[in-house]
């Protein structure tokens, strides 16, 4: 099954997950670039506010056309129990109807990330939503994260 892993990261946690998932699924990978400055304390607060309000943002050029893939894994950090504006923009731009879509989320531990996953699923109507994965602090718990990813990817491969 031709697969694509699409993700946004600010701190590297979601990138770590995305790279491991892409490796496990032998998938292509696409990092979404948010053109708005998201580094620093003030930008961090602004980012959380944008996520809570459901705002979109300007993203960089997309190089992989999701219509060419059967399985798409969407990854986002948990920002205020919401998907990031960059992922919201991507999902608003591309119709994933009829695709097998799985969602993954990195979490800092303040929230389980399940609200993010639930909202992502509502943003991908008419797709075949399979599995979801939330990993808490993946860069601090790399071995556990890798084990969770491996188990999750094995479930996906069986479907």
Protein backbone atom coordinates (compact mmCIF):
# COMPACT_ATOMS: atom_id res chain seq x y z
CA UNK A 1 0.00 0.00 0.00
CA UNK A 2 1.50 3.34 -1.04
CA UNK A 3 1.72 5.45 2.12
CA UNK A 4 2.42 9.06 3.07
CA UNK A 5 3.23 10.52 6.48
CA UNK A 6 2.28 14.21 6.77
CA UNK A 7 3.21 16.16 9.88
CA UNK A 8 3.88 19.50 11.50
CA UNK A 9 6.39 19.96 14.31
CA UNK A 10 7.56 22.89 16.38
CA UNK A 11 9.89 21.25 18.89
CA UNK A 12 10.85 18.05 17.06
CA UNK A 13 8.65 15.64 19.01
CA UNK A 14 6.17 15.08 16.19
CA UNK A 15 9.01 14.91 13.65
CA UNK A 16 10.57 12.09 15.67
CA UNK A 17 7.27 10.20 15.57
CA UNK A 18 6.74 10.91 11.86
CA UNK A 19 10.19 9.67 10.85
CA UNK A 20 9.78 6.45 12.83
CA UNK A 21 6.29 5.87 11.41
CA UNK A 22 7.51 6.51 7.86
CA UNK A 23 10.34 4.05 8.42
CA UNK A 24 8.00 1.37 9.81
CA UNK A 25 5.43 1.82 7.02
CA UNK A 26 8.04 2.34 4.28
CA UNK A 27 6.20 5.57 3.53
CA UNK A 28 7.02 8.85 1.89
CA UNK A 29 7.12 11.80 4.27
CA UNK A 30 6.01 15.43 4.02
CA UNK A 31 6.77 18.04 6.68
CA UNK A 32 4.30 20.91 6.73
CA UNK A 33 6.07 24.22 7.19
CA UNK A 34 4.16 26.98 8.97
CA UNK A 35 5.29 30.32 7.56
CA UNK A 36 4.28 32.12 10.76
CA UNK A 37 7.00 32.43 13.41
CA UNK A 38 6.22 29.89 16.14
CA UNK A 39 9.47 29.94 18.16
CA UNK A 40 9.92 31.82 21.44
CA UNK A 41 7.61 32.41 24.40
CA UNK A 42 5.37 35.05 22.83
CA UNK A 43 5.07 33.03 19.61
CA UNK A 44 4.28 29.95 21.73
CA UNK A 45 1.39 31.79 23.39
CA UNK A 46 0.17 33.05 20.03
CA UNK A 47 0.37 29.52 18.64
CA UNK A 48 -1.78 28.13 21.44
CA UNK A 49 -4.33 30.91 20.91
CA UNK A 50 -4.41 30.24 17.15
CA UNK A 51 -4.98 26.54 17.79
CA UNK A 52 -7.75 27.17 20.34
CA UNK A 53 -9.54 29.48 17.91
CA UNK A 54 -9.27 26.96 15.08
CA UNK A 55 -7.24 29.38 12.97
CA UNK A 56 -5.47 28.40 9.78
CA UNK A 57 -2.08 29.70 8.68
CA UNK A 58 0.04 30.07 5.59
CA UNK A 59 2.02 26.91 4.88
CA UNK A 60 4.96 26.17 2.63
CA UNK A 61 4.72 24.41 -0.70
CA UNK A 62 3.54 20.81 -0.58
CA UNK A 63 5.67 18.44 -2.65
CA UNK A 64 3.71 15.19 -2.23
CA UNK A 65 0.19 14.99 -3.67
CA UNK A 66 -1.97 13.04 -1.19
CA UNK A 67 -4.26 11.88 -4.01
CA UNK A 68 -1.44 9.56 -5.12
CA UNK A 69 -1.47 7.60 -1.84
CA UNK A 70 -3.76 4.95 -0.39
CA UNK A 71 -2.80 5.45 3.27
CA UNK A 72 -2.10 8.84 4.82
CA UNK A 73 -0.82 9.30 8.37
CA UNK A 74 -1.46 12.79 9.75
CA UNK A 75 0.64 13.98 12.69
CA UNK A 76 0.37 17.03 14.89
CA UNK A 77 1.50 18.20 18.29
CA UNK A 78 -1.19 18.79 20.89
CA UNK A 79 -1.64 22.56 21.16
CA UNK A 80 -4.24 23.49 23.77
CA UNK A 81 -6.06 20.19 23.07
CA UNK A 82 -6.32 21.15 19.38
CA UNK A 83 -4.53 20.31 16.12
CA UNK A 84 -2.04 22.93 14.95
CA UNK A 85 -3.03 25.65 12.48
CA UNK A 86 -0.61 24.19 9.91
CA UNK A 87 -2.33 20.78 9.96
CA UNK A 88 -5.75 22.47 9.94
CA UNK A 89 -4.66 24.39 6.81
CA UNK A 90 -3.35 21.24 5.12
CA UNK A 91 -6.55 19.33 5.81
CA UNK A 92 -8.60 22.24 4.53
CA UNK A 93 -6.61 22.29 1.31
CA UNK A 94 -6.62 18.57 0.46
CA UNK A 95 -9.62 16.28 0.17
CA UNK A 96 -8.81 12.92 1.72
CA UNK A 97 -12.20 11.38 0.94
CA UNK A 98 -11.95 7.67 0.32
CA UNK A 99 -8.41 7.47 1.72
CA UNK A 100 -7.32 5.35 4.63
CA UNK A 101 -6.25 7.93 7.19
CA UNK A 102 -4.55 7.40 10.54
CA UNK A 103 -3.72 10.13 13.02
CA UNK A 104 -0.89 10.54 15.48
CA UNK A 105 -0.19 13.19 18.09
CA UNK A 106 2.66 14.13 20.38
CA UNK A 107 1.60 15.35 23.78
CA UNK A 108 3.41 17.12 26.60
CA UNK A 109 1.49 15.20 29.25
CA UNK A 110 -0.98 17.91 30.28
CA UNK A 111 -3.67 16.41 28.08
CA UNK A 112 -3.92 12.90 26.70
CA UNK A 113 -4.20 14.14 23.12
CA UNK A 114 -7.47 12.29 22.56
CA UNK A 115 -9.31 15.58 21.98
CA UNK A 116 -6.83 16.38 19.21
CA UNK A 117 -7.41 12.99 17.60
CA UNK A 118 -11.20 13.37 17.86
CA UNK A 119 -11.06 16.79 16.21
CA UNK A 120 -8.74 15.54 13.46
CA UNK A 121 -11.26 12.84 12.64
CA UNK A 122 -13.99 15.44 12.20
CA UNK A 123 -11.71 17.37 9.85
CA UNK A 124 -11.32 14.34 7.57
CA UNK A 125 -14.88 13.46 6.61
CA UNK A 126 -15.54 10.67 4.14
CA UNK A 127 -12.24 8.98 4.81
CA UNK A 128 -11.69 5.52 6.20
CA UNK A 129 -10.28 6.39 9.61
CA UNK A 130 -8.38 3.45 11.00
CA UNK A 131 -6.14 3.89 14.01
CA UNK A 132 -4.81 6.69 16.16
CA UNK A 133 -1.73 7.06 18.34
CA UNK A 134 -0.84 9.54 21.06
CA UNK A 135 2.68 9.54 22.46
CA UNK A 136 3.59 11.56 25.52
CA UNK A 137 6.96 13.34 25.40
CA UNK A 138 8.46 11.16 22.65
CA UNK A 139 11.92 12.76 22.70
CA UNK A 140 12.21 12.16 26.45
CA UNK A 141 10.91 8.58 26.19
CA UNK A 142 12.39 7.42 22.88
CA UNK A 143 12.44 3.68 23.60
CA UNK A 144 8.81 3.63 24.74
CA UNK A 145 7.80 5.82 21.80
CA UNK A 146 9.52 3.51 19.33
CA UNK A 147 7.80 0.46 20.85
CA UNK A 148 4.40 2.18 20.68
CA UNK A 149 5.01 3.18 17.07
CA UNK A 150 6.07 -0.32 16.08
CA UNK A 151 2.96 -1.89 17.64
CA UNK A 152 0.72 0.77 16.08
CA UNK A 153 2.24 0.38 12.63
CA UNK A 154 1.84 -3.41 12.81
CA UNK A 155 -1.91 -2.91 13.45
CA UNK A 156 -2.11 -0.58 10.46
CA UNK A 157 -0.33 -3.07 8.20
CA UNK A 158 -2.89 -5.75 9.11
CA UNK A 159 -5.87 -3.62 8.07
